[in-house]
N, C-alpha and C. Protein backbone atom coordinates (compact mmCIF):
# COMPACT_ATOMS: atom_id res chain seq x y z
N MET A 1 84.47 87.37 117.07
CA MET A 1 84.78 87.79 115.58
C MET A 1 86.18 87.27 115.22
N GLY A 2 86.26 86.73 113.97
CA GLY A 2 87.49 86.36 113.44
C GLY A 2 88.49 87.43 113.16
N ASP A 3 89.77 87.29 113.51
CA ASP A 3 90.65 88.47 112.87
C ASP A 3 91.02 88.17 111.63
N ILE A 4 91.72 89.20 110.99
CA ILE A 4 92.30 89.09 109.54
C ILE A 4 93.69 88.41 109.85
N ARG A 5 93.89 87.41 108.97
CA ARG A 5 95.35 86.59 108.99
C ARG A 5 96.28 87.43 108.25
N PRO A 6 97.62 87.50 108.80
CA PRO A 6 98.82 88.12 108.25
C PRO A 6 98.98 87.87 106.81
N ALA A 7 99.84 88.78 106.10
CA ALA A 7 99.83 88.64 104.85
C ALA A 7 100.67 87.55 104.47
N HIS A 8 101.71 86.93 105.28
CA HIS A 8 102.37 85.79 104.91
C HIS A 8 101.51 84.49 104.75
N CYS A 9 100.21 84.60 105.16
CA CYS A 9 99.34 83.43 104.85
C CYS A 9 99.00 83.19 103.52
N TYR A 10 99.16 84.17 102.72
CA TYR A 10 98.76 84.21 101.23
C TYR A 10 99.90 84.31 100.29
N ARG A 11 99.99 83.51 99.30
CA ARG A 11 101.03 83.52 98.39
C ARG A 11 100.63 84.64 97.19
N TRP A 12 101.66 85.24 96.85
CA TRP A 12 101.54 86.20 95.76
C TRP A 12 101.47 85.55 94.43
N ASP A 13 102.28 84.44 94.25
CA ASP A 13 102.62 83.92 92.84
C ASP A 13 101.52 82.80 92.54
N SER A 14 100.60 82.63 93.37
CA SER A 14 99.50 81.65 93.16
C SER A 14 98.64 82.31 92.03
N PRO A 15 97.94 81.45 91.22
CA PRO A 15 97.17 81.93 90.19
C PRO A 15 96.00 82.87 90.90
N THR A 16 95.60 83.92 90.22
CA THR A 16 94.39 84.76 90.72
C THR A 16 93.23 83.94 90.71
N PHE A 17 92.44 84.08 91.86
CA PHE A 17 91.31 83.20 91.89
C PHE A 17 90.26 84.10 91.75
N THR A 18 89.57 84.16 90.64
CA THR A 18 88.59 85.08 90.31
C THR A 18 87.32 84.84 89.65
N ARG A 19 86.93 83.50 89.51
CA ARG A 19 85.80 83.17 88.40
C ARG A 19 84.44 83.63 89.32
N VAL A 20 84.11 84.74 88.92
CA VAL A 20 82.79 85.17 89.38
C VAL A 20 81.93 85.76 88.24
N SER A 21 80.58 85.41 88.23
CA SER A 21 79.89 85.62 86.99
C SER A 21 78.60 86.53 87.39
N ARG A 22 77.90 87.29 86.67
CA ARG A 22 76.67 87.92 86.94
C ARG A 22 75.59 86.87 87.21
N THR A 23 75.69 85.76 86.41
CA THR A 23 74.79 84.71 86.60
C THR A 23 75.34 83.69 87.51
N PRO A 24 74.60 83.48 88.65
CA PRO A 24 75.12 82.64 89.66
C PRO A 24 75.61 81.17 89.13
N SER A 25 74.82 80.63 88.08
CA SER A 25 74.98 79.36 87.80
C SER A 25 76.42 79.29 86.98
N ASN A 26 77.02 80.39 86.47
CA ASN A 26 78.19 80.34 85.86
C ASN A 26 79.43 80.79 86.83
N SER A 27 79.21 80.99 88.05
CA SER A 27 80.23 81.27 88.94
C SER A 27 80.77 80.06 89.63
N TYR A 28 82.10 80.08 89.61
CA TYR A 28 82.73 78.75 90.28
C TYR A 28 82.95 79.18 91.77
N ILE A 29 83.09 80.37 92.05
CA ILE A 29 83.30 81.02 93.39
C ILE A 29 81.84 81.32 94.04
N THR A 30 81.69 80.94 95.14
CA THR A 30 80.24 81.36 95.86
C THR A 30 80.52 82.01 97.21
N GLY A 31 79.85 82.73 97.66
CA GLY A 31 79.79 83.54 98.97
C GLY A 31 81.00 84.32 99.13
N ILE A 32 81.21 85.18 97.98
CA ILE A 32 82.41 86.14 98.05
C ILE A 32 81.93 87.49 98.88
N PRO A 33 82.79 88.09 99.60
CA PRO A 33 82.20 89.12 100.24
C PRO A 33 82.29 90.16 99.34
N GLY A 34 81.51 91.33 99.41
CA GLY A 34 81.37 92.36 98.41
C GLY A 34 82.53 93.21 98.58
N ASN A 35 82.96 93.91 97.53
CA ASN A 35 84.18 94.80 97.46
C ASN A 35 83.80 96.20 98.44
N LYS A 36 85.06 96.38 99.15
CA LYS A 36 84.58 97.56 100.32
C LYS A 36 85.14 98.83 99.66
N ILE A 37 85.69 98.87 98.45
CA ILE A 37 86.18 100.04 98.01
C ILE A 37 84.89 100.78 97.33
N LEU A 38 84.29 101.93 97.88
CA LEU A 38 83.22 102.45 97.30
C LEU A 38 83.30 103.23 96.02
N HIS A 39 84.33 104.09 96.08
CA HIS A 39 84.63 104.90 94.94
C HIS A 39 86.07 104.84 94.59
N PHE A 40 86.34 104.51 93.31
CA PHE A 40 87.65 104.42 92.62
C PHE A 40 88.08 105.73 92.22
N THR A 41 87.15 106.69 91.89
CA THR A 41 87.50 108.22 91.61
C THR A 41 86.72 109.01 92.33
N TYR A 42 87.33 110.19 92.75
CA TYR A 42 86.61 111.19 93.53
C TYR A 42 87.10 112.43 93.10
N GLY A 43 86.36 113.52 93.31
CA GLY A 43 86.78 114.94 92.93
C GLY A 43 86.33 115.59 91.60
N LYS A 44 86.88 116.64 91.42
CA LYS A 44 86.42 117.34 90.17
C LYS A 44 87.49 116.81 89.01
N PRO A 45 86.93 116.35 87.80
CA PRO A 45 87.79 115.94 86.89
C PRO A 45 87.90 117.26 85.99
N GLU A 46 89.18 117.90 86.19
CA GLU A 46 89.56 119.01 85.32
C GLU A 46 91.07 118.98 85.06
N LEU A 47 91.55 119.95 84.45
CA LEU A 47 92.99 119.97 84.03
C LEU A 47 93.71 120.42 85.31
N TYR A 48 94.56 119.45 85.76
CA TYR A 48 95.39 119.69 86.90
C TYR A 48 96.83 119.57 86.29
N GLU A 49 97.78 120.36 87.00
CA GLU A 49 99.00 120.47 86.61
C GLU A 49 99.93 119.27 87.25
N LYS A 50 99.77 118.97 88.41
CA LYS A 50 100.63 118.16 89.28
C LYS A 50 99.92 116.71 89.44
N GLU A 51 100.63 115.78 89.70
CA GLU A 51 100.11 114.36 89.82
C GLU A 51 101.11 113.77 91.06
N ILE A 52 100.23 113.46 92.01
CA ILE A 52 101.18 112.74 93.14
C ILE A 52 100.77 111.30 93.35
N SER A 53 101.71 110.35 93.06
CA SER A 53 101.33 108.95 92.99
C SER A 53 101.97 108.28 94.23
N VAL A 54 101.24 107.18 94.53
CA VAL A 54 101.95 106.14 95.48
C VAL A 54 102.38 104.97 94.76
N ILE A 55 103.65 104.66 94.76
CA ILE A 55 104.09 103.57 93.80
C ILE A 55 104.70 102.48 94.81
N TYR A 56 104.60 101.24 94.46
CA TYR A 56 104.99 100.04 95.08
C TYR A 56 106.51 99.77 94.77
N LYS A 57 107.31 99.62 95.73
CA LYS A 57 108.79 99.06 95.43
C LYS A 57 108.83 97.65 95.06
N ASP A 58 107.93 96.81 95.65
CA ASP A 58 108.10 95.42 95.41
C ASP A 58 106.64 94.96 95.11
N ARG A 59 106.50 93.69 94.62
CA ARG A 59 105.17 93.03 94.25
C ARG A 59 104.39 92.77 95.76
N MET A 60 103.11 92.85 95.70
CA MET A 60 102.53 92.81 96.97
C MET A 60 100.90 92.57 96.68
N MET A 61 100.25 91.90 97.58
CA MET A 61 98.93 91.67 97.47
C MET A 61 98.25 92.67 98.49
N VAL A 62 97.29 93.58 98.07
CA VAL A 62 96.83 94.55 98.89
C VAL A 62 95.35 94.27 99.14
N ARG A 63 94.97 94.09 100.25
CA ARG A 63 93.57 93.81 100.66
C ARG A 63 92.67 94.97 100.35
N HIS A 64 91.37 94.67 99.96
CA HIS A 64 90.46 95.74 99.78
C HIS A 64 90.08 96.63 100.96
N ASN A 65 90.33 96.06 102.08
CA ASN A 65 90.06 96.80 103.51
C ASN A 65 91.29 97.89 103.49
N ALA A 66 92.39 97.74 103.29
CA ALA A 66 93.49 98.40 103.20
C ALA A 66 93.25 99.63 101.98
N LEU A 67 92.94 99.14 100.86
CA LEU A 67 92.84 100.32 99.81
C LEU A 67 91.70 101.21 100.44
N GLU A 68 90.46 100.65 101.00
CA GLU A 68 89.49 101.63 101.33
C GLU A 68 89.80 102.50 102.31
N SER A 69 90.54 101.92 103.36
CA SER A 69 91.02 102.80 104.58
C SER A 69 92.05 103.99 103.99
N ALA A 70 92.71 103.60 103.16
CA ALA A 70 93.76 104.51 102.36
C ALA A 70 93.16 105.68 101.77
N ARG A 71 92.09 105.24 100.93
CA ARG A 71 91.20 106.17 100.26
C ARG A 71 90.52 107.12 101.22
N ILE A 72 89.92 106.51 102.19
CA ILE A 72 89.21 107.51 103.08
C ILE A 72 90.02 108.47 103.91
N VAL A 73 91.10 108.16 104.34
CA VAL A 73 91.99 108.96 105.07
C VAL A 73 92.61 110.06 104.17
N ALA A 74 92.98 109.74 102.95
CA ALA A 74 93.43 110.78 102.01
C ALA A 74 92.21 111.66 101.47
N GLN A 75 90.96 111.23 101.26
CA GLN A 75 89.85 112.16 100.78
C GLN A 75 89.53 112.92 101.80
N LYS A 76 89.52 112.49 103.19
CA LYS A 76 89.00 113.35 104.13
C LYS A 76 89.83 114.52 104.50
N PHE A 77 91.16 114.03 104.33
CA PHE A 77 92.40 115.32 104.53
C PHE A 77 92.12 116.20 103.45
N LEU A 78 92.07 115.76 102.25
CA LEU A 78 92.09 116.64 101.18
C LEU A 78 90.74 117.58 101.20
N LEU A 79 89.58 116.87 101.56
CA LEU A 79 88.34 117.73 101.60
C LEU A 79 88.36 118.84 102.64
N LYS A 80 89.12 118.55 103.81
CA LYS A 80 89.20 119.35 104.95
C LYS A 80 90.12 120.54 104.57
N ASN A 81 91.12 120.34 103.79
CA ASN A 81 92.17 121.37 103.62
C ASN A 81 92.02 122.16 102.25
N ILE A 82 91.68 121.40 101.10
CA ILE A 82 91.54 122.20 99.79
C ILE A 82 90.29 122.01 99.06
N LYS A 83 89.15 121.60 100.05
CA LYS A 83 87.86 121.43 99.56
C LYS A 83 87.72 120.36 98.21
N GLU A 84 87.28 120.92 97.31
CA GLU A 84 86.84 120.02 95.92
C GLU A 84 87.99 120.19 95.09
N ASN A 85 89.09 121.11 95.32
CA ASN A 85 90.08 121.35 94.22
C ASN A 85 91.24 120.11 94.00
N PHE A 86 90.61 118.98 93.90
CA PHE A 86 91.60 117.79 93.63
C PHE A 86 90.79 116.76 92.98
N SER A 87 91.63 115.58 92.42
CA SER A 87 90.91 114.51 91.94
C SER A 87 91.79 113.36 92.49
N LEU A 88 91.14 112.39 93.08
CA LEU A 88 91.77 111.27 93.75
C LEU A 88 91.29 109.89 92.77
N LEU A 89 92.32 108.95 92.48
CA LEU A 89 92.05 107.95 91.68
C LEU A 89 92.83 106.69 92.48
N ILE A 90 92.04 105.75 92.53
CA ILE A 90 92.51 104.29 93.18
C ILE A 90 92.71 103.57 91.89
N ARG A 91 93.95 103.00 91.61
CA ARG A 91 94.15 102.42 90.35
C ARG A 91 93.84 100.90 90.11
N PRO A 92 94.36 100.10 91.26
CA PRO A 92 94.12 98.71 90.98
C PRO A 92 92.63 98.17 91.52
N TYR A 93 92.25 97.14 90.89
CA TYR A 93 90.98 96.61 91.41
C TYR A 93 91.06 95.27 92.08
N PRO A 94 90.43 95.17 93.32
CA PRO A 94 90.72 93.87 93.88
C PRO A 94 90.15 92.69 93.33
N HIS A 95 90.52 91.89 92.32
CA HIS A 95 90.04 90.78 91.59
C HIS A 95 90.26 89.54 92.51
N HIS A 96 91.34 89.25 93.13
CA HIS A 96 91.62 88.16 93.70
C HIS A 96 90.78 87.84 94.85
N VAL A 97 90.29 86.76 95.00
CA VAL A 97 89.35 86.27 96.08
C VAL A 97 90.34 85.41 97.04
N MET A 98 90.45 85.83 98.29
CA MET A 98 91.18 85.11 99.43
C MET A 98 90.49 84.08 99.96
N ARG A 99 91.05 82.92 100.25
CA ARG A 99 90.38 81.73 100.86
C ARG A 99 90.98 81.54 102.27
N GLU A 100 90.39 80.95 103.03
CA GLU A 100 90.85 80.45 104.28
C GLU A 100 90.08 79.24 104.87
N ASN A 101 91.08 78.25 105.40
CA ASN A 101 90.68 76.93 105.88
C ASN A 101 90.46 77.24 107.30
N ALA A 102 89.24 77.49 107.92
CA ALA A 102 89.06 77.77 109.15
C ALA A 102 89.24 76.59 110.10
N GLN A 103 89.99 76.76 111.28
CA GLN A 103 90.40 75.76 111.97
C GLN A 103 89.47 75.91 113.29
N ALA A 104 89.00 74.72 113.67
CA ALA A 104 88.22 74.67 115.10
C ALA A 104 88.93 74.79 116.26
N SER A 105 88.61 75.47 117.22
CA SER A 105 89.32 75.79 118.36
C SER A 105 88.33 75.43 119.54
N GLY A 106 88.96 75.21 120.85
CA GLY A 106 88.04 74.95 121.96
C GLY A 106 88.22 73.46 122.38
N ALA A 107 87.40 73.15 123.25
CA ALA A 107 87.36 71.62 123.77
C ALA A 107 86.93 70.60 122.78
N GLY A 108 87.49 69.77 122.53
CA GLY A 108 87.06 68.52 121.63
C GLY A 108 87.20 69.00 120.26
N ALA A 109 88.01 70.19 119.92
CA ALA A 109 88.24 70.47 118.60
C ALA A 109 88.91 69.42 117.67
N ASP A 110 89.68 68.69 118.22
CA ASP A 110 90.50 67.58 117.49
C ASP A 110 89.54 66.58 117.15
N ARG A 111 88.65 66.37 117.59
CA ARG A 111 87.53 65.28 117.12
C ARG A 111 86.70 65.74 115.95
N VAL A 112 86.51 67.07 115.92
CA VAL A 112 85.70 67.72 114.86
C VAL A 112 86.52 68.18 113.77
N GLN A 113 87.72 68.62 114.05
CA GLN A 113 88.66 69.07 112.89
C GLN A 113 89.21 67.92 111.99
N GLN A 114 89.19 68.42 110.72
CA GLN A 114 89.59 67.45 109.71
C GLN A 114 91.12 67.75 109.29
N GLY A 115 91.73 68.59 109.95
CA GLY A 115 93.18 69.07 109.42
C GLY A 115 93.23 69.61 108.05
N MET A 116 94.10 68.90 107.23
CA MET A 116 94.28 69.49 105.79
C MET A 116 93.32 68.61 104.80
N ARG A 117 92.41 67.86 105.30
CA ARG A 117 91.67 67.09 104.33
C ARG A 117 90.36 68.01 103.95
N GLN A 118 90.36 68.16 102.70
CA GLN A 118 89.42 69.07 101.94
C GLN A 118 89.59 70.46 102.47
N SER A 119 90.84 70.99 102.27
CA SER A 119 91.34 72.29 102.85
C SER A 119 91.24 73.51 101.79
N PHE A 120 90.40 73.17 100.88
CA PHE A 120 90.45 74.49 99.78
C PHE A 120 89.96 75.64 100.54
N GLY A 121 89.15 75.82 101.51
CA GLY A 121 88.91 76.84 102.15
C GLY A 121 87.64 77.86 101.61
N LYS A 122 87.13 78.79 102.32
CA LYS A 122 86.09 79.61 102.14
C LYS A 122 86.56 81.10 101.85
N ALA A 123 85.88 81.66 100.72
CA ALA A 123 86.21 83.03 100.61
C ALA A 123 86.03 83.93 101.69
N VAL A 124 87.07 84.84 102.07
CA VAL A 124 87.01 85.60 103.24
C VAL A 124 87.25 87.18 102.87
N GLY A 125 87.53 87.47 101.61
CA GLY A 125 87.95 88.80 101.22
C GLY A 125 88.50 88.85 99.81
N ARG A 126 88.80 90.09 99.37
CA ARG A 126 89.41 90.30 98.17
C ARG A 126 90.82 91.04 98.26
N ALA A 127 91.59 90.79 97.10
CA ALA A 127 92.88 91.64 97.41
C ALA A 127 93.24 91.91 95.95
N ALA A 128 93.91 92.91 95.65
CA ALA A 128 94.48 93.39 94.32
C ALA A 128 96.00 93.06 94.30
N LYS A 129 96.41 92.49 93.18
CA LYS A 129 97.72 92.15 92.96
C LYS A 129 98.46 93.31 92.49
N VAL A 130 99.47 93.87 93.14
CA VAL A 130 100.11 95.05 92.77
C VAL A 130 101.50 94.58 92.37
N TYR A 131 102.21 95.17 91.21
CA TYR A 131 103.49 94.74 90.73
C TYR A 131 104.46 95.84 91.15
N LYS A 132 105.65 95.64 90.89
CA LYS A 132 106.73 96.35 91.41
C LYS A 132 106.71 97.54 90.49
N GLY A 133 106.73 98.90 90.95
CA GLY A 133 106.63 100.00 90.13
C GLY A 133 105.25 100.30 89.57
N GLN A 134 104.17 99.77 90.14
CA GLN A 134 102.91 99.99 89.75
C GLN A 134 102.19 101.16 90.48
N LYS A 135 101.58 102.12 89.95
CA LYS A 135 100.88 103.15 90.80
C LYS A 135 99.76 102.56 91.51
N LEU A 136 99.49 102.72 92.87
CA LEU A 136 98.42 102.28 93.60
C LEU A 136 97.33 103.47 93.54
N ALA A 137 97.75 104.70 93.78
CA ALA A 137 96.82 105.73 93.84
C ALA A 137 97.49 107.00 93.36
N SER A 138 96.54 107.90 92.83
CA SER A 138 97.14 109.16 92.19
C SER A 138 96.03 110.18 92.56
N ILE A 139 96.83 111.38 93.13
CA ILE A 139 96.13 112.58 93.54
C ILE A 139 96.52 113.64 92.51
N PHE A 140 95.49 114.39 91.82
CA PHE A 140 95.76 115.40 90.87
C PHE A 140 95.42 116.64 91.48
N VAL A 141 96.29 117.76 91.64
CA VAL A 141 96.06 118.95 92.16
C VAL A 141 96.71 120.06 91.36
N HIS A 142 96.36 121.41 91.58
CA HIS A 142 97.17 122.46 91.24
C HIS A 142 98.39 122.74 91.96
N PRO A 143 99.32 123.34 91.38
CA PRO A 143 100.57 123.69 92.13
C PRO A 143 100.50 124.11 93.47
N GLU A 144 99.52 125.07 93.71
CA GLU A 144 99.35 125.68 94.96
C GLU A 144 98.94 124.76 96.07
N ASN A 145 98.34 123.75 95.79
CA ASN A 145 97.89 122.77 96.69
C ASN A 145 98.92 121.44 96.71
N LEU A 146 99.98 121.67 96.23
CA LEU A 146 101.01 120.54 96.08
C LEU A 146 101.14 119.87 97.59
N GLU A 147 101.50 120.87 98.61
CA GLU A 147 102.05 120.28 100.02
C GLU A 147 100.97 119.65 100.61
N VAL A 148 99.69 120.00 100.51
CA VAL A 148 98.55 119.33 101.27
C VAL A 148 98.51 118.00 100.42
N ALA A 149 98.57 117.94 99.15
CA ALA A 149 98.47 116.59 98.42
C ALA A 149 99.60 115.58 99.02
N LYS A 150 100.73 116.18 99.23
CA LYS A 150 101.86 115.32 99.65
C LYS A 150 101.62 114.71 101.14
N GLN A 151 100.90 115.55 101.88
CA GLN A 151 100.71 115.11 103.22
C GLN A 151 99.61 114.02 103.16
N ALA A 152 98.52 114.31 102.44
CA ALA A 152 97.39 113.28 102.13
C ALA A 152 98.21 111.83 101.44
N ALA A 153 99.03 111.98 100.85
CA ALA A 153 99.69 110.77 100.17
C ALA A 153 100.52 110.08 101.27
N GLU A 154 101.25 110.94 102.21
CA GLU A 154 101.89 110.27 103.40
C GLU A 154 100.88 109.50 104.39
N ARG A 155 99.86 110.09 104.54
CA ARG A 155 98.81 109.53 105.37
C ARG A 155 98.27 108.04 104.73
N MET A 156 98.17 108.13 103.50
CA MET A 156 97.82 106.95 102.81
C MET A 156 98.94 105.79 102.99
N LEU A 157 100.27 105.94 102.95
CA LEU A 157 101.30 105.13 103.17
C LEU A 157 101.30 104.38 104.48
N ALA A 158 100.63 105.26 105.52
CA ALA A 158 100.51 104.55 106.78
C ALA A 158 99.48 103.38 106.83
N LYS A 159 98.39 103.47 105.94
CA LYS A 159 97.30 102.54 105.82
C LYS A 159 97.55 101.32 104.89
N LEU A 160 98.70 101.29 104.30
CA LEU A 160 98.91 100.18 103.12
C LEU A 160 99.98 99.54 103.59
N PRO A 161 100.10 98.05 103.08
CA PRO A 161 101.21 97.44 103.56
C PRO A 161 102.35 97.52 102.52
N GLY A 162 103.50 97.07 102.98
CA GLY A 162 104.80 96.93 102.17
C GLY A 162 105.43 98.39 102.00
N GLU A 163 106.51 98.22 101.25
CA GLU A 163 107.34 99.38 100.93
C GLU A 163 106.80 100.27 99.65
N LYS A 164 106.69 101.51 99.85
CA LYS A 164 106.09 102.36 98.88
C LYS A 164 106.92 103.67 98.94
N ILE A 165 106.78 104.24 97.78
CA ILE A 165 107.37 105.61 97.60
C ILE A 165 106.29 106.76 97.04
N ILE A 166 106.60 107.99 97.36
CA ILE A 166 105.70 108.97 96.68
C ILE A 166 106.25 109.75 95.51
N VAL A 167 105.84 109.70 94.45
CA VAL A 167 106.33 110.52 93.27
C VAL A 167 105.50 111.43 92.66
N ILE A 168 106.15 112.62 92.58
CA ILE A 168 105.62 113.87 92.21
C ILE A 168 105.97 114.39 90.53
N GLU A 169 104.98 114.37 89.63
CA GLU A 169 105.25 114.52 88.48
C GLU A 169 104.23 115.63 87.72
N ASP A 170 104.55 116.12 86.50
CA ASP A 170 103.68 117.06 85.80
C ASP A 170 102.68 116.00 85.19
N THR A 171 101.55 116.31 85.07
CA THR A 171 100.54 115.63 84.17
C THR A 171 100.77 115.61 82.86
N LYS A 172 100.19 114.63 82.00
CA LYS A 172 100.36 114.73 80.54
C LYS A 172 99.64 115.78 79.96
N LYS A 173 98.49 116.24 80.49
CA LYS A 173 97.64 117.24 80.08
C LYS A 173 98.54 118.68 80.24
N ALA A 174 99.10 118.72 81.36
CA ALA A 174 100.13 119.88 81.57
C ALA A 174 100.98 120.02 80.64
N LYS A 175 101.84 118.82 80.24
CA LYS A 175 102.77 118.89 79.30
C LYS A 175 102.44 119.13 77.82
N GLU A 176 101.27 118.81 77.47
CA GLU A 176 100.72 119.01 76.26
C GLU A 176 100.21 120.42 76.09
N THR A 177 99.75 121.07 77.05
CA THR A 177 99.25 122.38 76.90
C THR A 177 99.95 123.38 77.68
N LYS A 178 100.36 124.39 76.97
CA LYS A 178 101.14 125.54 77.48
C LYS A 178 100.14 126.64 77.87
N ILE A 179 100.38 127.36 78.93
CA ILE A 179 99.58 128.48 79.31
C ILE A 179 100.38 129.75 78.81
N SER A 180 99.59 130.62 78.05
CA SER A 180 100.15 131.68 77.36
C SER A 180 100.16 132.81 78.47
N ASP A 181 100.78 134.02 78.18
CA ASP A 181 100.86 135.08 79.15
C ASP A 181 99.50 135.69 79.28
N ALA A 182 98.75 135.65 78.22
CA ALA A 182 97.38 136.24 78.20
C ALA A 182 96.41 135.28 79.20
N GLY A 183 96.87 134.12 79.47
CA GLY A 183 96.12 133.20 80.38
C GLY A 183 95.16 132.22 79.51
N ALA A 184 95.27 132.36 78.15
CA ALA A 184 94.44 131.45 77.30
C ALA A 184 95.39 130.00 77.09
N ALA A 185 94.65 129.01 77.07
CA ALA A 185 95.42 127.70 76.78
C ALA A 185 95.67 127.54 75.32
N VAL A 186 96.97 127.34 75.17
CA VAL A 186 97.38 127.19 73.54
C VAL A 186 97.96 125.68 73.42
N GLU A 187 97.31 125.11 72.49
CA GLU A 187 97.82 123.70 72.26
C GLU A 187 99.16 123.66 71.39
N THR A 188 99.93 122.92 72.05
CA THR A 188 101.20 122.72 71.04
C THR A 188 101.21 121.84 70.09
N ASN A 189 102.06 122.10 68.86
CA ASN A 189 102.02 120.92 67.69
C ASN A 189 103.11 120.13 67.96
N LYS A 190 102.94 118.68 67.99
CA LYS A 190 104.00 117.65 68.08
C LYS A 190 103.92 116.91 66.97
C-alpha cells in the first residue's frame, strides 16, 4: 500500500485545484477520492455560552484524513464525558485536490519510468487551505463543561499539522442575551 507523502511535497501558494462537477462531462478532474469527513456539525444546536476554537498561527494545507481524525477524537471524548451537551463544528471544507506523480520502483523501473515527462499526476486526496488566524474547529459548551471541552480541543491539536492555539471566548448569542435573576432570557436593545 502507498504511504502518504509529507506536507513539503505540496505547495500552499499554488492555485487551488478543484474543478469538479455533478455532471461528469463538465469535470476537469477525474478519479477524485471521496471526502473522508463524515459530519461537519455534530451535537445539539442550542444556546451555549462558551466557544472553544482551534486557530492556526500560520497558513497550512490540512488533509481531509487529519480533519476527520481530529473530529473523531474530539467527538468521542466529548460524548464519553458530557454526553450530548455540546456542539462541534468543523469549519474548513477540503476543496483542494492533491496530485501525485507516482514513481515506479523495483527491478527495471528505469526503463518503464518516464521521469518528469507528463508529470501532472493523479488525484490522491483532498486538502483544506487554512489561512493564518482562521478557525479550524469550534466546540460550543455550557460553562460547567468548559474543562472537558478544553481537553477535547487539546486532543484535536495532536491530530493536526502545524502550529495551532486554543482560544476560549463567549459566544455571540451569550453576549446578545442576558439571563435575568428570575431565570428568563431577556433580549438587550442595541
